[in-house]
Amino acid sequence: MRLLGFGRRSSDEYEPVPLTPVVAEALRRARIEIDELVRRGAVSRRDVLRSAAASAAVLSALAACTNEERAATNGRSSTLPTSSPGGTFDTPASRTTSSTSAATVIDPEAATTVLDTPLPGGMIVDVQLHFLDEQRNADGGFGAGFPQADCPRGSVAACFALEAFLDLVFDQSQTHVGVLSGLPIADRTSALALDIMDQARVTLADSEAGTGTGSGSGAGGGGRRLLLQAPVFPATGELAAVLDAMSHDAATYPVAAWKTYTHAPGAFRLDDERGAAMLARAVELDRPIVAVHKGLSGEDPAASPVDVGPAARDHPEARIVVYHSGWETSSPEGPYDPTRALGEQRGVDRLIGSLAAEGIGPGANVYAELGSTWFNLAHDLDAAAHVLGKLLVNLGPDRILWGTDSIWYGSPQPQIDAFRTFSISEEYQERFGYPALTDAVKVRILGSNAVELYGL
């Protein structure tokens, strides 16, 4: 479905963020508008739910309900510091209504024109994607807590299988190129081990070659529509064996980058002996991109991004991609306060503070990634504006990468729609110094930055 926020929003990796009254009301209104679209049109409910019009209905309702809440509480709430929301979704609608049952009347043709037309000059590169091998996950042991587990394919294992992944990402979304990213499981026979990733890469390349669009042509050709991140776990076993395994993987598979977790299955820091050795080996192997899960951990200290700055300083040739940007579900996001000590910072501010302490600014060797973070932020327009604004100021528009953590949440298209239509308010720009989220900036975040990083 092309609907941001419908269904459960739990996760195998973090505690779900409860739906606020604003979001619940927005989803109620969106359902009413979608019912009306079905009644007015000559298409099935299934077709409407997979259309740009359905996405526009959800986003416009979220924007309207957020505006209404701010208007109702303006001047009476100490927790809402501005007179209008920090951001909004600029969605196509034929007209607004004064009805309390729906915020807008959606024009399907206008929605398709706006949301289904690619942004000029850019392609979408999703740097954090997952699926689960159906045989290795036959019991549905991993993934059962994610929204995609509710899919109509008959079992949890089938919902996360390769067939579902290729359909959701490459058929049901505008994603051009993806990066497969491993799980916090050191077992090399896990449901998304490196050999499983490579099978998926070959399957996609072969299928596209068979239709005359695949492995020999275009951006992402030669099996380059799916890039592989080899899992690496420096805190498990002998360090020498871990480093030897990295060399083996780089020689055996088309490894484009590495994926690690500093809090699971064993804890370490990017700036300790094990982290430093991993980064040095990545550079030595000419695979200098290391993606690290930071945040989304229930405030686990080992998942804090405070070690990113020192590691980036000590390994300038490495390219450190901070998955989730350090965001935590339990940490409200507001403007960054540089006067607070790093140990007192929370959420995304820990990453910003760690970089600032080492003098690492925009255009350096650290990238912030938005997987799962944007999925959750899109329901809170103030927090969304603060996080994107802070990252744009402190890392720069060239160092933010698009990722969705799909297929945990189904097709990435609803997240794409939300990002394409989101804007930071002029009030937030003036008050907090955030830049505008222009189409040119969105093109960079959605794909151009990853194209440059991965040499596509």
Protein backbone atom coordinates (compact mmCIF):
# COMPACT_ATOMS: atom_id res chain seq x y z
CA MET A 1 0.00 0.00 0.00
CA ARG A 2 1.17 3.54 -0.74
CA LEU A 3 0.19 4.76 2.69
CA LEU A 4 2.58 6.22 5.24
CA GLY A 5 1.72 5.11 8.75
CA PHE A 6 -1.15 2.66 8.27
CA GLY A 7 -0.91 -0.61 10.18
CA ARG A 8 1.24 -1.38 13.17
CA ARG A 9 4.52 0.46 13.58
CA SER A 10 6.37 -1.96 15.82
CA SER A 11 9.83 -3.29 15.18
CA ASP A 12 12.22 -6.12 15.97
CA GLU A 13 14.94 -3.51 16.62
CA TYR A 14 13.33 -0.74 18.70
CA GLU A 15 10.28 0.12 20.72
CA PRO A 16 7.55 1.51 18.46
CA VAL A 17 6.56 5.14 18.63
CA PRO A 18 2.88 5.33 19.65
CA LEU A 19 0.51 7.10 17.30
CA THR A 20 -0.27 10.58 18.59
CA PRO A 21 -3.86 11.88 18.54
CA VAL A 22 -2.88 14.09 15.59
CA VAL A 23 -1.64 11.13 13.55
CA ALA A 24 -4.62 8.97 14.51
CA GLU A 25 -7.02 11.71 13.39
CA ALA A 26 -5.08 12.25 10.19
CA LEU A 27 -5.29 8.57 9.33
CA ARG A 28 -9.04 8.59 10.07
CA ARG A 29 -9.54 11.50 7.68
CA ALA A 30 -7.35 9.90 5.05
CA ARG A 31 -9.41 6.72 5.16
CA ILE A 32 -12.55 8.79 4.57
CA GLU A 33 -10.96 10.53 1.59
CA ILE A 34 -9.72 7.22 0.17
CA ASP A 35 -13.22 5.76 0.51
CA GLU A 36 -14.47 8.79 -1.43
CA LEU A 37 -11.84 8.27 -4.13
CA VAL A 38 -13.02 4.68 -4.54
CA ARG A 39 -16.65 5.80 -4.69
CA ARG A 40 -15.91 8.52 -7.26
CA GLY A 41 -13.60 6.50 -9.48
CA ALA A 42 -13.83 3.49 -11.74
CA VAL A 43 -10.91 1.67 -10.13
CA SER A 44 -10.70 -0.86 -7.34
CA ARG A 45 -9.78 -0.10 -3.75
CA ARG A 46 -6.55 -2.03 -4.27
CA ASP A 47 -5.58 0.24 -7.16
CA VAL A 48 -6.40 3.37 -5.18
CA LEU A 49 -4.36 2.20 -2.19
CA ARG A 50 -1.33 1.73 -4.44
CA SER A 51 -1.76 5.12 -6.14
CA ALA A 52 -0.24 8.55 -5.66
CA ALA A 53 -3.70 9.81 -4.69
CA ALA A 54 -3.75 7.61 -1.59
CA SER A 55 -0.34 8.88 -0.56
CA ALA A 56 -1.44 12.48 -1.10
CA ALA A 57 -4.54 11.87 1.03
CA VAL A 58 -2.47 10.71 3.99
CA LEU A 59 0.14 13.46 3.74
CA SER A 60 -2.37 16.28 3.26
CA ALA A 61 -4.38 15.04 6.25
CA LEU A 62 -1.24 14.92 8.40
CA ALA A 63 -0.34 18.47 7.41
CA ALA A 64 -3.89 19.75 8.03
CA CYS A 65 -4.25 18.07 11.43
CA THR A 66 -0.86 19.35 12.56
CA ASN A 67 -1.85 22.88 11.54
CA GLU A 68 -5.15 22.57 13.38
CA GLU A 69 -3.44 21.36 16.55
CA ARG A 70 -1.00 24.27 16.46
CA ALA A 71 -3.80 26.78 15.89
CA ALA A 72 -5.82 25.32 18.76
CA THR A 73 -2.92 25.43 21.24
CA ASN A 74 -1.10 28.55 20.05
CA GLY A 75 -0.25 30.72 23.02
CA ARG A 76 -1.39 28.09 25.54
CA SER A 77 1.36 25.49 25.25
CA SER A 78 4.94 25.68 26.53
CA THR A 79 5.95 22.68 24.43
CA LEU A 80 5.11 24.25 21.06
CA PRO A 81 7.67 27.03 20.58
CA THR A 82 6.49 28.46 17.27
CA SER A 83 3.21 29.73 15.91
CA SER A 84 3.14 27.20 13.06
CA PRO A 85 4.50 23.69 12.54
CA GLY A 86 8.16 23.35 11.63
CA GLY A 87 7.31 21.73 8.34
CA THR A 88 4.51 20.64 6.08
CA PHE A 89 3.71 18.40 3.13
CA ASP A 90 3.03 20.33 -0.07
CA THR A 91 0.62 17.86 -1.62
CA PRO A 92 -1.62 18.24 -4.68
CA ALA A 93 -5.28 18.71 -3.86
CA SER A 94 -8.11 20.10 -5.95
CA ARG A 95 -9.51 22.15 -3.08
CA THR A 96 -9.59 22.34 0.70
CA THR A 97 -12.80 21.90 2.61
CA SER A 98 -14.11 23.10 5.93
CA SER A 99 -15.45 19.65 6.74
CA THR A 100 -14.19 18.09 9.96
CA SER A 101 -14.29 14.67 8.33
CA ALA A 102 -11.64 15.34 5.69
CA ALA A 103 -8.93 17.91 5.24
CA THR A 104 -8.82 17.98 1.45
CA VAL A 105 -10.38 16.61 -1.66
CA ILE A 106 -7.62 14.88 -3.60
CA ASP A 107 -7.33 15.22 -7.35
CA PRO A 108 -5.89 11.85 -8.51
CA GLU A 109 -4.57 13.29 -11.77
CA ALA A 110 -2.76 16.10 -9.96
CA ALA A 111 -1.34 13.66 -7.41
CA THR A 112 0.01 11.43 -10.16
CA THR A 113 1.51 14.39 -12.01
CA VAL A 114 3.35 15.61 -8.90
CA LEU A 115 4.32 12.40 -7.09
CA ASP A 116 4.90 10.06 -10.02
CA THR A 117 7.04 12.49 -12.02
CA PRO A 118 10.74 12.05 -11.17
CA LEU A 119 12.58 15.03 -9.75
CA PRO A 120 14.62 16.62 -12.57
CA GLY A 121 18.20 15.47 -12.83
CA GLY A 122 18.19 12.83 -10.14
CA MET A 123 17.70 9.17 -9.38
CA ILE A 124 16.81 7.53 -6.08
CA VAL A 125 19.47 5.45 -4.32
CA ASP A 126 18.35 3.72 -1.13
CA VAL A 127 21.42 2.93 0.95
CA GLN A 128 19.68 0.75 3.55
CA LEU A 129 17.59 -2.15 2.32
CA HIS A 130 16.87 -5.58 3.75
CA PHE A 131 15.10 -8.83 2.96
CA LEU A 132 15.24 -12.30 4.54
CA ASP A 133 15.99 -15.55 2.76
CA GLU A 134 12.79 -17.57 2.91
CA GLN A 135 14.49 -20.90 3.68
CA ARG A 136 16.80 -19.54 6.37
CA ASN A 137 13.92 -17.62 7.93
CA ALA A 138 11.34 -20.37 7.46
CA ASP A 139 10.06 -20.08 11.03
CA GLY A 140 9.64 -16.31 10.74
CA GLY A 141 12.00 -15.91 13.67
CA PHE A 142 13.27 -12.54 12.43
CA GLY A 143 10.99 -9.85 11.10
CA ALA A 144 7.78 -10.81 12.86
CA GLY A 145 7.67 -7.49 14.71
CA PHE A 146 7.94 -5.31 11.61
CA PRO A 147 4.91 -3.87 9.75
CA GLN A 148 5.70 -5.87 6.57
CA ALA A 149 4.95 -9.07 8.52
CA ASP A 150 1.25 -8.25 8.03
CA CYS A 151 1.49 -8.63 4.24
CA PRO A 152 -1.01 -10.91 2.46
CA ARG A 153 1.58 -13.44 1.23
CA GLY A 154 0.60 -16.13 3.71
CA SER A 155 3.53 -16.26 6.13
CA VAL A 156 6.12 -14.03 7.75
CA ALA A 157 8.85 -15.81 5.81
CA ALA A 158 7.12 -15.10 2.49
CA CYS A 159 6.49 -11.46 3.43
CA PHE A 160 10.23 -10.81 3.69
CA ALA A 161 11.41 -13.12 0.91
CA LEU A 162 13.42 -12.03 -2.13
CA GLU A 163 10.38 -12.06 -4.43
CA ALA A 164 8.53 -9.65 -2.13
CA PHE A 165 11.63 -7.46 -1.80
CA LEU A 166 12.20 -7.07 -5.53
CA ASP A 167 8.51 -6.31 -6.10
CA LEU A 168 8.20 -3.75 -3.29
CA VAL A 169 11.46 -1.91 -3.93
CA PHE A 170 11.98 -2.07 -7.70
CA ASP A 171 8.41 -2.49 -9.01
CA GLN A 172 6.35 -0.57 -6.46
CA SER A 173 8.70 2.35 -5.85
CA GLN A 174 10.81 4.84 -7.77
CA THR A 175 14.04 3.40 -6.30
CA HIS A 176 16.72 2.97 -8.98
CA VAL A 177 19.62 1.53 -6.98
CA GLY A 178 19.73 -0.09 -3.56
CA VAL A 179 22.30 -1.15 -1.00
CA LEU A 180 21.66 -4.40 0.87
CA SER A 181 22.59 -4.04 4.51
CA GLY A 182 23.20 -6.84 7.00
CA LEU A 183 21.60 -7.76 10.32
CA PRO A 184 23.02 -7.72 13.87
CA ILE A 185 23.69 -11.45 13.54
CA ALA A 186 27.28 -12.68 13.32
CA ASP A 187 26.31 -16.13 12.02
CA ARG A 188 27.46 -16.30 8.38
CA THR A 189 24.42 -18.47 7.58
CA SER A 190 21.94 -15.79 8.71
CA ALA A 191 18.91 -14.93 6.61
CA LEU A 192 20.75 -11.94 5.11
CA ALA A 193 24.34 -13.15 5.07
CA LEU A 194 26.66 -12.02 2.30
CA ASP A 195 26.05 -15.06 0.10
CA ILE A 196 22.29 -14.38 0.23
CA MET A 197 22.85 -10.74 -0.71
CA ASP A 198 24.94 -11.77 -3.70
CA GLN A 199 22.28 -14.20 -4.90
CA ALA A 200 19.78 -11.32 -4.83
CA ARG A 201 22.15 -9.08 -6.78
CA VAL A 202 22.60 -11.72 -9.47
CA THR A 203 18.87 -12.51 -9.59
CA LEU A 204 17.98 -8.86 -10.20
CA ALA A 205 20.74 -8.39 -12.79
CA ASP A 206 19.72 -11.56 -14.65
CA SER A 207 16.03 -10.63 -14.64
CA GLU A 208 16.79 -7.20 -16.09
CA ALA A 209 19.19 -8.60 -18.66
CA GLY A 210 16.40 -10.90 -19.79
CA THR A 211 14.16 -7.91 -20.51
CA GLY A 212 16.88 -6.00 -22.32
CA THR A 213 17.26 -3.43 -19.53
CA GLY A 214 19.68 -5.12 -17.20
CA SER A 215 23.22 -6.05 -16.56
CA GLY A 216 24.93 -4.42 -19.49
CA SER A 217 23.36 -1.00 -19.64
CA GLY A 218 22.47 2.17 -17.79
CA ALA A 219 22.97 3.36 -14.24
CA GLY A 220 23.15 0.34 -11.97
CA GLY A 221 23.98 -1.99 -14.88
CA GLY A 222 26.35 -4.93 -14.55
CA GLY A 223 24.60 -6.04 -11.38
CA ARG A 224 25.00 -2.56 -9.92
CA ARG A 225 21.34 -1.97 -9.11
CA LEU A 226 21.99 -3.84 -5.86
CA LEU A 227 25.18 -3.11 -3.95
CA LEU A 228 26.38 -5.26 -1.07
CA GLN A 229 27.49 -4.33 2.43
CA ALA A 230 29.47 -7.15 4.02
CA PRO A 231 28.61 -7.60 7.71
CA VAL A 232 31.59 -7.23 10.06
CA PHE A 233 31.59 -7.75 13.82
CA PRO A 234 34.94 -6.75 15.39
CA ALA A 235 33.82 -7.60 18.94
CA THR A 236 33.12 -11.27 18.22
CA GLY A 237 36.05 -13.66 18.35
CA GLU A 238 39.69 -12.98 17.63
CA LEU A 239 40.32 -9.64 15.97
CA ALA A 240 42.80 -11.16 13.50
CA ALA A 241 40.13 -13.61 12.35
CA VAL A 242 37.62 -10.79 11.84
CA LEU A 243 40.11 -8.85 9.71
CA ASP A 244 40.99 -11.97 7.71
CA ALA A 245 37.28 -12.51 7.07
CA MET A 246 37.02 -8.97 5.70
CA SER A 247 39.85 -9.70 3.27
CA HIS A 248 38.19 -12.96 2.24
CA ASP A 249 34.82 -11.31 1.66
CA ALA A 250 36.34 -8.51 -0.40
CA ALA A 251 38.14 -11.07 -2.59
CA THR A 252 35.10 -13.34 -2.97
CA TYR A 253 32.17 -10.97 -3.42
CA PRO A 254 31.62 -7.54 -5.02
CA VAL A 255 31.67 -5.84 -1.60
CA ALA A 256 30.87 -2.15 -1.95
CA ALA A 257 30.88 -1.31 1.76
CA TRP A 258 30.80 -2.76 5.27
CA LYS A 259 28.01 -2.87 7.87
CA THR A 260 28.58 -3.03 11.58
CA TYR A 261 26.79 -2.58 14.91
CA THR A 262 28.75 -1.21 17.86
CA HIS A 263 26.22 -2.56 20.38
CA ALA A 264 25.36 -6.02 19.01
CA PRO A 265 26.13 -8.87 19.10
CA GLY A 266 29.22 -7.64 20.99
CA ALA A 267 29.95 -4.07 22.06
CA PHE A 268 32.92 -2.02 20.84
CA ARG A 269 33.69 1.56 19.82
CA LEU A 270 34.73 2.92 16.47
CA ASP A 271 37.64 4.62 18.20
CA ASP A 272 38.90 1.65 20.25
CA GLU A 273 41.42 -0.96 19.12
CA ARG A 274 38.87 -3.14 17.35
CA GLY A 275 37.04 -0.29 15.67
CA ALA A 276 40.28 1.30 14.52
CA ALA A 277 41.52 -2.00 13.07
CA MET A 278 38.24 -2.50 11.19
CA LEU A 279 38.35 0.99 9.69
CA ALA A 280 42.01 0.61 8.75
CA ARG A 281 41.36 -2.73 7.03
CA ALA A 282 38.41 -1.25 5.10
CA VAL A 283 40.68 1.49 3.76
CA GLU A 284 43.48 -1.00 3.03
CA LEU A 285 41.08 -3.13 0.98
CA ASP A 286 39.97 -0.07 -1.00
CA ARG A 287 36.45 -0.51 0.38
CA PRO A 288 36.54 2.55 2.67
CA ILE A 289 32.76 2.91 3.25
CA VAL A 290 31.70 1.65 6.69
CA ALA A 291 28.03 1.92 7.65
CA VAL A 292 27.40 1.75 11.39
CA HIS A 293 24.09 1.44 13.23
CA LYS A 294 23.86 4.37 15.64
CA GLY A 295 20.73 5.17 17.60
CA LEU A 296 17.46 3.20 17.63
CA SER A 297 18.76 1.20 20.56
CA GLY A 298 16.71 2.17 23.59
CA GLU A 299 19.51 4.56 24.57
CA ASP A 300 22.10 1.76 24.72
CA PRO A 301 25.37 3.65 25.40
CA ALA A 302 27.23 1.34 23.01
CA ALA A 303 25.01 2.53 20.14
CA SER A 304 25.67 6.21 20.80
CA PRO A 305 27.39 8.10 17.97
CA VAL A 306 29.79 9.89 20.32
CA ASP A 307 32.67 7.77 18.95
CA VAL A 308 32.05 8.84 15.34
CA GLY A 309 33.93 12.13 15.53
CA PRO A 310 37.16 10.69 16.97
CA ALA A 311 37.07 7.75 14.53
CA ALA A 312 36.54 10.05 11.55
CA ARG A 313 39.41 12.26 12.73
CA ASP A 314 41.78 9.30 13.08
CA HIS A 315 40.76 7.67 9.77
CA PRO A 316 40.33 10.51 7.26
CA GLU A 317 40.38 8.10 4.30
CA ALA A 318 37.44 6.13 5.69
CA ARG A 319 33.87 7.08 4.81
CA ILE A 320 31.66 6.59 7.87
CA VAL A 321 27.92 6.35 7.19
CA VAL A 322 25.91 6.81 10.39
CA TYR A 323 22.77 4.76 9.96
CA HIS A 324 19.71 6.35 11.59
CA SER A 325 21.77 9.51 12.30
CA GLY A 326 21.88 8.62 15.99
CA TRP A 327 18.12 9.17 16.40
CA GLU A 328 16.34 7.55 19.35
CA THR A 329 12.61 7.12 19.81
CA SER A 330 12.78 8.36 23.40
CA SER A 331 14.66 11.62 22.68
CA PRO A 332 12.60 14.63 21.58
CA GLU A 333 14.30 16.51 18.76
CA GLY A 334 14.63 20.28 18.98
CA PRO A 335 17.26 22.81 17.94
CA TYR A 336 20.88 21.85 18.61
CA ASP A 337 22.36 23.54 21.67
CA PRO A 338 26.16 23.80 21.30
CA THR A 339 26.55 24.89 24.93
CA ARG A 340 25.49 21.50 26.27
CA ALA A 341 28.28 19.04 27.04
CA LEU A 342 28.49 16.04 24.71
CA GLY A 343 27.61 13.70 27.55
CA GLU A 344 24.36 15.59 28.05
CA GLN A 345 23.29 15.54 24.39
CA ARG A 346 20.62 13.13 23.21
CA GLY A 347 19.42 11.75 19.89
CA VAL A 348 20.82 13.28 16.73
CA ASP A 349 22.55 15.98 18.77
CA ARG A 350 25.06 13.38 20.01
CA LEU A 351 26.29 12.91 16.44
CA ILE A 352 26.47 16.65 15.82
CA GLY A 353 28.29 17.21 19.10
CA SER A 354 30.78 14.41 18.43
CA LEU A 355 31.68 15.91 15.05
CA ALA A 356 31.85 19.45 16.39
CA ALA A 357 34.24 18.39 19.15
CA GLU A 358 36.69 17.12 16.53
CA GLY A 359 36.25 20.04 14.12
CA ILE A 360 34.52 17.87 11.52
CA GLY A 361 32.11 19.97 9.50
CA PRO A 362 30.19 19.83 6.21
CA GLY A 363 31.88 18.00 3.36
CA ALA A 364 34.03 15.79 5.61
CA ASN A 365 34.12 11.98 5.78
CA VAL A 366 30.94 11.44 7.81
CA TYR A 367 27.48 10.89 6.31
CA ALA A 368 24.10 10.85 8.08
CA GLU A 369 21.53 8.31 6.86
CA LEU A 370 17.75 8.47 7.30
CA GLY A 371 16.53 4.85 7.41
CA SER A 372 13.71 4.30 9.96
CA THR A 373 14.45 7.80 11.25
CA TRP A 374 12.52 9.47 8.43
CA PHE A 375 9.73 6.87 8.62
CA ASN A 376 9.10 7.94 12.21
CA LEU A 377 9.87 11.65 11.82
CA ALA A 378 7.38 12.03 9.00
CA HIS A 379 4.61 11.77 11.60
CA ASP A 380 6.02 14.67 13.66
CA LEU A 381 6.50 17.73 11.46
CA ASP A 382 8.34 19.75 14.12
CA ALA A 383 10.85 16.99 14.81
CA ALA A 384 11.25 16.28 11.11
CA ALA A 385 12.15 19.91 10.42
CA HIS A 386 14.60 20.02 13.32
CA VAL A 387 16.44 16.82 12.37
CA LEU A 388 16.71 17.63 8.68
CA GLY A 389 17.59 21.25 9.45
CA LYS A 390 20.30 20.29 11.95
CA LEU A 391 21.85 17.77 9.58
CA LEU A 392 21.83 20.25 6.70
CA VAL A 393 23.57 22.89 8.82
CA ASN A 394 26.15 20.67 10.51
CA LEU A 395 26.94 18.01 7.90
CA GLY A 396 25.82 19.82 4.76
CA PRO A 397 23.46 18.79 1.94
CA ASP A 398 26.22 16.65 0.37
CA ARG A 399 26.54 14.41 3.43
CA ILE A 400 22.97 13.21 3.98
CA LEU A 401 21.99 9.87 2.44
CA TRP A 402 18.58 8.48 1.59
CA GLY A 403 17.68 5.17 3.23
CA THR A 404 14.37 3.65 4.23
CA ASP A 405 15.12 0.39 6.12
CA SER A 406 12.76 -1.28 3.69
CA ILE A 407 11.30 -3.79 3.36
CA TRP A 408 10.68 -3.71 7.11
CA TYR A 409 7.90 -1.16 6.39
CA GLY A 410 6.76 -2.47 3.01
CA SER A 411 7.40 -0.49 -0.16
CA PRO A 412 9.64 2.55 0.32
CA GLN A 413 7.40 4.65 -1.95
CA PRO A 414 5.30 6.25 0.83
CA GLN A 415 8.50 7.45 2.47
CA ILE A 416 9.71 8.82 -0.87
CA ASP A 417 6.41 10.65 -1.36
CA ALA A 418 6.64 12.17 2.12
CA PHE A 419 10.21 13.36 1.63
CA ARG A 420 9.56 14.79 -1.83
CA THR A 421 6.68 16.90 -0.57
CA PHE A 422 8.15 17.97 2.78
CA SER A 423 9.32 21.52 3.35
CA ILE A 424 10.86 23.31 6.33
CA SER A 425 8.81 26.34 7.33
CA GLU A 426 10.10 29.86 6.78
CA GLU A 427 9.65 30.46 10.49
CA TYR A 428 12.01 27.59 11.35
CA GLN A 429 14.45 28.77 8.72
CA GLU A 430 14.53 32.26 10.22
CA ARG A 431 14.43 31.25 13.88
CA PHE A 432 16.88 28.35 13.82
CA GLY A 433 18.99 29.10 10.77
CA TYR A 434 17.89 26.05 8.80
CA PRO A 435 18.22 26.15 5.01
CA ALA A 436 15.27 25.57 2.74
CA LEU A 437 14.70 21.99 1.65
CA THR A 438 14.72 22.78 -2.07
CA ASP A 439 14.27 20.35 -4.95
CA ALA A 440 18.00 20.61 -5.63
CA VAL A 441 18.77 19.57 -2.05
CA LYS A 442 16.25 16.73 -2.23
CA VAL A 443 17.88 15.44 -5.43
CA ARG A 444 21.21 15.31 -3.61
CA ILE A 445 19.80 13.51 -0.58
CA LEU A 446 17.62 11.08 -2.53
CA GLY A 447 20.41 9.91 -4.79
CA SER A 448 23.23 12.15 -5.98
CA ASN A 449 25.18 11.92 -2.74
CA ALA A 450 25.12 8.12 -2.83
CA VAL A 451 26.00 8.11 -6.54
CA GLU A 452 29.17 10.04 -5.71
CA LEU A 453 29.97 8.05 -2.57
CA TYR A 454 29.62 4.66 -4.26
CA GLY A 455 31.04 5.75 -7.61
CA LEU A 456 27.95 4.70 -9.55
